[in-house]
């Protein structure tokens, strides 16, 4: 990942945390998780559907891929703690 890519990733995680998300999530993974969850509020689903749809035009399956990256990171952290 380039320097700019890492900087944007960091800002994404900070923005997500400041808006009530978990520290290991990005905004994209949070929106993707909302779309998959039956417990996500109706307004949250509408915003997530719109933003994930817009991101999909730029980067196909962006929100789904963000969820997969988040799960992989959590798995790696768990593995490192158990070692």
PDB file of N, CA and C in Angstrom:
ATOM      1  N   UNK A   1       0.855  -1.174   0.000  1.00  0.00           N
ATOM      2  CA  UNK A   1       0.000   0.000   0.000  1.00  0.00           C
ATOM      3  C   UNK A   1       0.902   1.239   0.000  1.00  0.00           C
ATOM      4  N   UNK A   2       0.523   2.227  -0.767  1.00  0.00           N
ATOM      5  CA  UNK A   2       1.301   3.457  -0.850  1.00  0.00           C
ATOM      6  C   UNK A   2       1.142   4.289   0.422  1.00  0.00           C
ATOM      7  N   UNK A   3       1.977   5.301   0.563  1.00  0.00           N
ATOM      8  CA  UNK A   3       1.883   6.195   1.710  1.00  0.00           C
ATOM      9  C   UNK A   3       0.498   6.830   1.765  1.00  0.00           C
ATOM     10  N   UNK A   4      -0.004   7.292   0.616  1.00  0.00           N
ATOM     11  CA  UNK A   4      -1.338   7.909   0.571  1.00  0.00           C
ATOM     12  C   UNK A   4      -2.420   6.903   0.937  1.00  0.00           C
ATOM     13  N   UNK A   5      -2.264   5.685   0.469  1.00  0.00           N
ATOM     14  CA  UNK A   5      -3.234   4.649   0.798  1.00  0.00           C
ATOM     15  C   UNK A   5      -3.290   4.379   2.296  1.00  0.00           C
ATOM     16  N   UNK A   6      -2.120   4.300   2.928  1.00  0.00           N
ATOM     17  CA  UNK A   6      -2.072   4.084   4.383  1.00  0.00           C
ATOM     18  C   UNK A   6      -2.651   5.281   5.131  1.00  0.00           C
ATOM     19  N   UNK A   7      -2.364   6.480   4.640  1.00  0.00           N
ATOM     20  CA  UNK A   7      -2.894   7.687   5.291  1.00  0.00           C
ATOM     21  C   UNK A   7      -4.420   7.723   5.203  1.00  0.00           C
ATOM     22  N   UNK A   8      -4.965   7.403   4.040  1.00  0.00           N
ATOM     23  CA  UNK A   8      -6.429   7.395   3.876  1.00  0.00           C
ATOM     24  C   UNK A   8      -7.071   6.302   4.733  1.00  0.00           C
ATOM     25  N   UNK A   9      -6.424   5.145   4.803  1.00  0.00           N
ATOM     26  CA  UNK A   9      -6.919   4.038   5.632  1.00  0.00           C
ATOM     27  C   UNK A   9      -6.965   4.464   7.100  1.00  0.00           C
ATOM     28  N   UNK A  10      -5.908   5.128   7.566  1.00  0.00           N
ATOM     29  CA  UNK A  10      -5.860   5.624   8.936  1.00  0.00           C
ATOM     30  C   UNK A  10      -6.982   6.635   9.187  1.00  0.00           C
ATOM     31  N   UNK A  11      -7.159   7.588   8.271  1.00  0.00           N
ATOM     32  CA  UNK A  11      -8.218   8.596   8.432  1.00  0.00           C
ATOM     33  C   UNK A  11      -9.594   7.948   8.438  1.00  0.00           C
ATOM     34  N   UNK A  12      -9.767   6.916   7.626  1.00  0.00           N
ATOM     35  CA  UNK A  12     -11.035   6.183   7.575  1.00  0.00           C
ATOM     36  C   UNK A  12     -11.330   5.548   8.935  1.00  0.00           C
ATOM     37  N   UNK A  13     -10.322   4.898   9.532  1.00  0.00           N
ATOM     38  CA  UNK A  13     -10.528   4.263  10.834  1.00  0.00           C
ATOM     39  C   UNK A  13     -10.786   5.295  11.930  1.00  0.00           C
ATOM     40  N   UNK A  14     -10.086   6.422  11.885  1.00  0.00           N
ATOM     41  CA  UNK A  14     -10.298   7.481  12.871  1.00  0.00           C
ATOM     42  C   UNK A  14     -11.709   8.043  12.730  1.00  0.00           C
ATOM     43  N   UNK A  15     -12.126   8.347  11.500  1.00  0.00           N
ATOM     44  CA  UNK A  15     -13.473   8.885  11.275  1.00  0.00           C
ATOM     45  C   UNK A  15     -14.535   7.899  11.750  1.00  0.00           C
ATOM     46  N   UNK A  16     -14.326   6.619  11.486  1.00  0.00           N
ATOM     47  CA  UNK A  16     -15.268   5.598  11.926  1.00  0.00           C
ATOM     48  C   UNK A  16     -15.362   5.566  13.446  1.00  0.00           C
ATOM     49  N   UNK A  17     -14.227   5.600  14.116  1.00  0.00           N
ATOM     50  CA  UNK A  17     -14.211   5.557  15.581  1.00  0.00           C
ATOM     51  C   UNK A  17     -14.891   6.793  16.165  1.00  0.00           C
ATOM     52  N   UNK A  18     -14.613   7.954  15.587  1.00  0.00           N
ATOM     53  CA  UNK A  18     -15.214   9.196  16.084  1.00  0.00           C
ATOM     54  C   UNK A  18     -16.730   9.237  15.887  1.00  0.00           C
ATOM     55  N   UNK A  19     -17.238   8.446  14.945  1.00  0.00           N
ATOM     56  CA  UNK A  19     -18.690   8.411  14.709  1.00  0.00           C
ATOM     57  C   UNK A  19     -19.349   7.204  15.378  1.00  0.00           C
ATOM     58  N   UNK A  20     -18.631   6.587  16.332  1.00  0.00           N
ATOM     59  CA  UNK A  20     -19.247   5.524  17.123  1.00  0.00           C
ATOM     60  C   UNK A  20     -18.949   4.112  16.682  1.00  0.00           C
ATOM     61  N   UNK A  21     -18.093   3.947  15.682  1.00  0.00           N
ATOM     62  CA  UNK A  21     -17.746   2.607  15.224  1.00  0.00           C
ATOM     63  C   UNK A  21     -16.667   1.971  16.082  1.00  0.00           C
ATOM     64  N   UNK A  22     -16.478   0.695  15.890  1.00  0.00           N
ATOM     65  CA  UNK A  22     -15.427  -0.036  16.614  1.00  0.00           C
ATOM     66  C   UNK A  22     -14.068   0.306  16.004  1.00  0.00           C
ATOM     67  N   UNK A  23     -13.027   0.327  16.822  1.00  0.00           N
ATOM     68  CA  UNK A  23     -11.721   0.802  16.363  1.00  0.00           C
ATOM     69  C   UNK A  23     -11.128  -0.041  15.245  1.00  0.00           C
ATOM     70  N   UNK A  24     -11.530  -1.286  15.119  1.00  0.00           N
ATOM     71  CA  UNK A  24     -10.961  -2.156  14.076  1.00  0.00           C
ATOM     72  C   UNK A  24     -11.733  -2.079  12.757  1.00  0.00           C
ATOM     73  N   UNK A  25     -12.825  -1.330  12.732  1.00  0.00           N
ATOM     74  CA  UNK A  25     -13.620  -1.211  11.512  1.00  0.00           C
ATOM     75  C   UNK A  25     -13.206   0.001  10.689  1.00  0.00           C
ATOM     76  N   UNK A  26     -13.495  -0.080   9.410  1.00  0.00           N
ATOM     77  CA  UNK A  26     -13.465   1.097   8.560  1.00  0.00           C
ATOM     78  C   UNK A  26     -14.918   1.492   8.321  1.00  0.00           C
ATOM     79  N   UNK A  27     -15.124   2.667   7.786  1.00  0.00           N
ATOM     80  CA  UNK A  27     -16.494   3.090   7.498  1.00  0.00           C
ATOM     81  C   UNK A  27     -17.133   2.122   6.499  1.00  0.00           C
ATOM     82  N   UNK A  28     -16.357   1.693   5.510  1.00  0.00           N
ATOM     83  CA  UNK A  28     -16.893   0.775   4.494  1.00  0.00           C
ATOM     84  C   UNK A  28     -17.285  -0.569   5.086  1.00  0.00           C
ATOM     85  N   UNK A  29     -16.451  -1.124   5.975  1.00  0.00           N
ATOM     86  CA  UNK A  29     -16.802  -2.418   6.576  1.00  0.00           C
ATOM     87  C   UNK A  29     -18.009  -2.257   7.497  1.00  0.00           C
ATOM     88  N   UNK A  30     -18.100  -1.118   8.151  1.00  0.00           N
ATOM     89  CA  UNK A  30     -19.256  -0.859   9.029  1.00  0.00           C
ATOM     90  C   UNK A  30     -20.553  -0.781   8.211  1.00  0.00           C
ATOM     91  N   UNK A  31     -20.490  -0.110   7.059  1.00  0.00           N
ATOM     92  CA  UNK A  31     -21.684  -0.026   6.203  1.00  0.00           C
ATOM     93  C   UNK A  31     -22.039  -1.394   5.633  1.00  0.00           C
ATOM     94  N   UNK A  32     -21.029  -2.148   5.205  1.00  0.00           N
ATOM     95  CA  UNK A  32     -21.283  -3.488   4.677  1.00  0.00           C
ATOM     96  C   UNK A  32     -21.892  -4.400   5.722  1.00  0.00           C
ATOM     97  N   UNK A  33     -21.384  -4.308   6.949  1.00  0.00           N
ATOM     98  CA  UNK A  33     -21.927  -5.103   8.054  1.00  0.00           C
ATOM     99  C   UNK A  33     -23.374  -4.713   8.327  1.00  0.00           C
ATOM    100  N   UNK A  34     -23.662  -3.432   8.253  1.00  0.00           N
ATOM    101  CA  UNK A  34     -25.033  -2.957   8.455  1.00  0.00           C
ATOM    102  C   UNK A  34     -25.971  -3.569   7.410  1.00  0.00           C
ATOM    103  N   UNK A  35     -25.526  -3.613   6.166  1.00  0.00           N
ATOM    104  CA  UNK A  35     -26.371  -4.186   5.110  1.00  0.00           C
ATOM    105  C   UNK A  35     -26.639  -5.666   5.331  1.00  0.00           C
ATOM    106  N   UNK A  36     -25.692  -6.369   5.945  1.00  0.00           N
ATOM    107  CA  UNK A  36     -25.865  -7.805   6.200  1.00  0.00           C
ATOM    108  C   UNK A  36     -26.665  -8.098   7.464  1.00  0.00           C
ATOM    109  N   UNK A  37     -26.784  -7.108   8.349  1.00  0.00           N
ATOM    110  CA  UNK A  37     -27.394  -7.332   9.657  1.00  0.00           C
ATOM    111  C   UNK A  37     -28.897  -7.042   9.665  1.00  0.00           C
ATOM    112  N   UNK A  38     -29.682  -7.947  10.242  1.00  0.00           N
ATOM    113  CA  UNK A  38     -31.115  -7.667  10.375  1.00  0.00           C
ATOM    114  C   UNK A  38     -31.400  -6.634  11.471  1.00  0.00           C
ATOM    115  N   UNK A  39     -30.397  -6.355  12.318  1.00  0.00           N
ATOM    116  CA  UNK A  39     -30.585  -5.422  13.435  1.00  0.00           C
ATOM    117  C   UNK A  39     -30.242  -3.979  13.096  1.00  0.00           C
ATOM    118  N   UNK A  40     -29.712  -3.735  11.929  1.00  0.00           N
ATOM    119  CA  UNK A  40     -29.329  -2.377  11.542  1.00  0.00           C
ATOM    120  C   UNK A  40     -30.599  -1.535  11.326  1.00  0.00           C
ATOM    121  N   UNK A  41     -30.633  -0.319  11.875  1.00  0.00           N
ATOM    122  CA  UNK A  41     -31.809   0.534  11.702  1.00  0.00           C
ATOM    123  C   UNK A  41     -32.082   0.838  10.224  1.00  0.00           C
ATOM    124  N   UNK A  42     -33.339   1.107   9.926  1.00  0.00           N
ATOM    125  CA  UNK A  42     -33.770   1.360   8.558  1.00  0.00           C
ATOM    126  C   UNK A  42     -32.988   2.517   7.916  1.00  0.00           C
ATOM    127  N   UNK A  43     -32.801   3.594   8.675  1.00  0.00           N
ATOM    128  CA  UNK A  43     -32.064   4.744   8.144  1.00  0.00           C
ATOM    129  C   UNK A  43     -30.611   4.378   7.870  1.00  0.00           C
ATOM    130  N   UNK A  44     -30.013   3.578   8.757  1.00  0.00           N
ATOM    131  CA  UNK A  44     -28.634   3.128   8.561  1.00  0.00           C
ATOM    132  C   UNK A  44     -28.493   2.282   7.319  1.00  0.00           C
ATOM    133  N   UNK A  45     -29.474   1.417   7.078  1.00  0.00           N
ATOM    134  CA  UNK A  45     -29.451   0.580   5.871  1.00  0.00           C
ATOM    135  C   UNK A  45     -29.557   1.431   4.613  1.00  0.00           C
ATOM    136  N   UNK A  46     -30.418   2.463   4.662  1.00  0.00           N
ATOM    137  CA  UNK A  46     -30.602   3.322   3.486  1.00  0.00           C
ATOM    138  C   UNK A  46     -29.310   4.074   3.157  1.00  0.00           C
ATOM    139  N   UNK A  47     -28.672   4.645   4.177  1.00  0.00           N
ATOM    140  CA  UNK A  47     -27.414   5.364   3.962  1.00  0.00           C
ATOM    141  C   UNK A  47     -26.333   4.409   3.477  1.00  0.00           C
ATOM    142  N   UNK A  48     -26.246   3.243   4.111  1.00  0.00           N
ATOM    143  CA  UNK A  48     -25.240   2.246   3.729  1.00  0.00           C
ATOM    144  C   UNK A  48     -25.457   1.760   2.303  1.00  0.00           C
ATOM    145  N   UNK A  49     -26.704   1.517   1.933  1.00  0.00           N
ATOM    146  CA  UNK A  49     -27.011   1.048   0.577  1.00  0.00           C
ATOM    147  C   UNK A  49     -26.582   2.091  -0.457  1.00  0.00           C
ATOM    148  N   UNK A  50     -26.865   3.371  -0.166  1.00  0.00           N
ATOM    149  CA  UNK A  50     -26.512   4.449  -1.080  1.00  0.00           C
ATOM    150  C   UNK A  50     -24.994   4.574  -1.215  1.00  0.00           C
ATOM    151  N   UNK A  51     -24.295   4.653  -0.071  1.00  0.00           N
ATOM    152  CA  UNK A  51     -22.846   4.859  -0.111  1.00  0.00           C
ATOM    153  C   UNK A  51     -22.102   3.644  -0.669  1.00  0.00           C
ATOM    154  N   UNK A  52     -22.526   2.441  -0.289  1.00  0.00           N
ATOM    155  CA  UNK A  52     -21.885   1.241  -0.847  1.00  0.00           C
ATOM    156  C   UNK A  52     -22.155   1.147  -2.352  1.00  0.00           C
ATOM    157  N   UNK A  53     -23.339   1.561  -2.765  1.00  0.00           N
ATOM    158  CA  UNK A  53     -23.660   1.577  -4.196  1.00  0.00           C
ATOM    159  C   UNK A  53     -22.775   2.551  -4.956  1.00  0.00           C
ATOM    160  N   UNK A  54     -22.561   3.732  -4.368  1.00  0.00           N
ATOM    161  CA  UNK A  54     -21.685   4.727  -5.001  1.00  0.00           C
ATOM    162  C   UNK A  54     -20.247   4.217  -5.052  1.00  0.00           C
ATOM    163  N   UNK A  55     -19.780   3.622  -3.970  1.00  0.00           N
ATOM    164  CA  UNK A  55     -18.421   3.075  -3.940  1.00  0.00           C
ATOM    165  C   UNK A  55     -18.261   1.927  -4.933  1.00  0.00           C
ATOM    166  N   UNK A  56     -19.337   1.171  -5.132  1.00  0.00           N
ATOM    167  CA  UNK A  56     -19.302   0.038  -6.062  1.00  0.00           C
ATOM    168  C   UNK A  56     -18.996   0.513  -7.489  1.00  0.00           C
ATOM    169  N   UNK A  57     -19.438   1.730  -7.824  1.00  0.00           N
ATOM    170  CA  UNK A  57     -19.164   2.268  -9.157  1.00  0.00           C
ATOM    171  C   UNK A  57     -17.675   2.535  -9.356  1.00  0.00           C
ATOM    172  N   UNK A  58     -16.985   2.854  -8.270  1.00  0.00           N
ATOM    173  CA  UNK A  58     -15.558   3.158  -8.322  1.00  0.00           C
ATOM    174  C   UNK A  58     -14.721   1.901  -8.096  1.00  0.00           C
ATOM    175  N   UNK A  59     -15.145   1.082  -7.135  1.00  0.00           N
ATOM    176  CA  UNK A  59     -14.396  -0.117  -6.726  1.00  0.00           C
ATOM    177  C   UNK A  59     -15.401  -1.237  -6.472  1.00  0.00           C
ATOM    178  N   UNK A  60     -15.546  -2.114  -7.451  1.00  0.00           N
ATOM    179  CA  UNK A  60     -16.550  -3.179  -7.383  1.00  0.00           C
ATOM    180  C   UNK A  60     -16.438  -3.962  -6.072  1.00  0.00           C
ATOM    181  N   UNK A  61     -17.587  -4.165  -5.407  1.00  0.00           N
ATOM    182  CA  UNK A  61     -17.690  -4.922  -4.147  1.00  0.00           C
ATOM    183  C   UNK A  61     -16.867  -4.321  -3.009  1.00  0.00           C
ATOM    184  N   UNK A  62     -16.708  -3.003  -3.014  1.00  0.00           N
ATOM    185  CA  UNK A  62     -15.857  -2.329  -2.034  1.00  0.00           C
ATOM    186  C   UNK A  62     -16.258  -2.658  -0.592  1.00  0.00           C
ATOM    187  N   UNK A  63     -17.532  -2.532  -0.251  1.00  0.00           N
ATOM    188  CA  UNK A  63     -17.963  -2.755   1.128  1.00  0.00           C
ATOM    189  C   UNK A  63     -17.811  -4.220   1.533  1.00  0.00           C
ATOM    190  N   UNK A  64     -18.148  -5.134   0.654  1.00  0.00           N
ATOM    191  CA  UNK A  64     -17.973  -6.561   0.951  1.00  0.00           C
ATOM    192  C   UNK A  64     -16.495  -6.888   1.150  1.00  0.00           C
ATOM    193  N   UNK A  65     -15.648  -6.357   0.285  1.00  0.00           N
ATOM    194  CA  UNK A  65     -14.209  -6.590   0.411  1.00  0.00           C
ATOM    195  C   UNK A  65     -13.671  -5.989   1.709  1.00  0.00           C
ATOM    196  N   UNK A  66     -14.227  -4.847   2.125  1.00  0.00           N
ATOM    197  CA  UNK A  66     -13.808  -4.215   3.377  1.00  0.00           C
ATOM    198  C   UNK A  66     -14.138  -5.106   4.573  1.00  0.00           C
ATOM    199  N   UNK A  67     -15.293  -5.768   4.529  1.00  0.00           N
ATOM    200  CA  UNK A  67     -15.660  -6.703   5.600  1.00  0.00           C
ATOM    201  C   UNK A  67     -14.655  -7.859   5.639  1.00  0.00           C
ATOM    202  N   UNK A  68     -14.318  -8.387   4.479  1.00  0.00           N
ATOM    203  CA  UNK A  68     -13.364  -9.505   4.420  1.00  0.00           C
ATOM    204  C   UNK A  68     -11.990  -9.093   4.950  1.00  0.00           C
ATOM    205  N   UNK A  69     -11.541  -7.876   4.599  1.00  0.00           N
ATOM    206  CA  UNK A  69     -10.251  -7.390   5.112  1.00  0.00           C
ATOM    207  C   UNK A  69     -10.301  -7.240   6.627  1.00  0.00           C
ATOM    208  N   UNK A  70     -11.410  -6.712   7.150  1.00  0.00           N
ATOM    209  CA  UNK A  70     -11.550  -6.528   8.591  1.00  0.00           C
ATOM    210  C   UNK A  70     -11.503  -7.884   9.296  1.00  0.00           C
ATOM    211  N   UNK A  71     -12.221  -8.867   8.776  1.00  0.00           N
ATOM    212  CA  UNK A  71     -12.219 -10.198   9.385  1.00  0.00           C
ATOM    213  C   UNK A  71     -10.830 -10.823   9.351  1.00  0.00           C
ATOM    214  N   UNK A  72     -10.106 -10.621   8.255  1.00  0.00           N
ATOM    215  CA  UNK A  72      -8.746 -11.154   8.150  1.00  0.00           C
ATOM    216  C   UNK A  72      -7.822 -10.485   9.171  1.00  0.00           C
ATOM    217  N   UNK A  73      -7.966  -9.167   9.340  1.00  0.00           N
ATOM    218  CA  UNK A  73      -7.156  -8.456  10.336  1.00  0.00           C
ATOM    219  C   UNK A  73      -7.454  -8.968  11.743  1.00  0.00           C
ATOM    220  N   UNK A  74      -8.730  -9.142  12.059  1.00  0.00           N
ATOM    221  CA  UNK A  74      -9.100  -9.633  13.389  1.00  0.00           C
ATOM    222  C   UNK A  74      -8.568 -11.040  13.624  1.00  0.00           C
ATOM    223  N   UNK A  75      -8.612 -11.876  12.595  1.00  0.00           N
ATOM    224  CA  UNK A  75      -8.088 -13.241  12.708  1.00  0.00           C
ATOM    225  C   UNK A  75      -6.584 -13.204  12.966  1.00  0.00           C
ATOM    226  N   UNK A  76      -5.869 -12.326  12.259  1.00  0.00           N
ATOM    227  CA  UNK A  76      -4.426 -12.215  12.444  1.00  0.00           C
ATOM    228  C   UNK A  76      -4.089 -11.738  13.857  1.00  0.00           C
ATOM    229  N   UNK A  77      -4.835 -10.755  14.347  1.00  0.00           N
ATOM    230  CA  UNK A  77      -4.602 -10.241  15.702  1.00  0.00           C
ATOM    231  C   UNK A  77      -4.840 -11.348  16.731  1.00  0.00           C
ATOM    232  N   UNK A  78      -5.933 -12.095  16.545  1.00  0.00           N
ATOM    233  CA  UNK A  78      -6.247 -13.187  17.475  1.00  0.00           C
ATOM    234  C   UNK A  78      -5.153 -14.253  17.447  1.00  0.00           C
ATOM    235  N   UNK A  79      -4.665 -14.583  16.262  1.00  0.00           N
ATOM    236  CA  UNK A  79      -3.609 -15.585  16.121  1.00  0.00           C
ATOM    237  C   UNK A  79      -2.323 -15.134  16.799  1.00  0.00           C
ATOM    238  N   UNK A  80      -1.998 -13.851  16.646  1.00  0.00           N
ATOM    239  CA  UNK A  80      -0.778 -13.317  17.270  1.00  0.00           C
ATOM    240  C   UNK A  80      -0.885 -13.325  18.794  1.00  0.00           C
ATOM    241  N   UNK A  81      -2.057 -13.067  19.311  1.00  0.00           N
ATOM    242  CA  UNK A  81      -2.249 -13.064  20.768  1.00  0.00           C
ATOM    243  C   UNK A  81      -2.163 -14.469  21.352  1.00  0.00           C
ATOM    244  N   UNK A  82      -2.610 -15.455  20.585  1.00  0.00           N
ATOM    245  CA  UNK A  82      -2.582 -16.841  21.052  1.00  0.00           C
ATOM    246  C   UNK A  82      -1.196 -17.455  20.965  1.00  0.00           C
ATOM    247  N   UNK A  83      -0.336 -16.874  20.138  1.00  0.00           N
ATOM    248  CA  UNK A  83       1.015 -17.446  19.937  1.00  0.00           C
ATOM    249  C   UNK A  83       1.959 -17.134  21.083  1.00  0.00           C
TER     250      UNK A  83
END
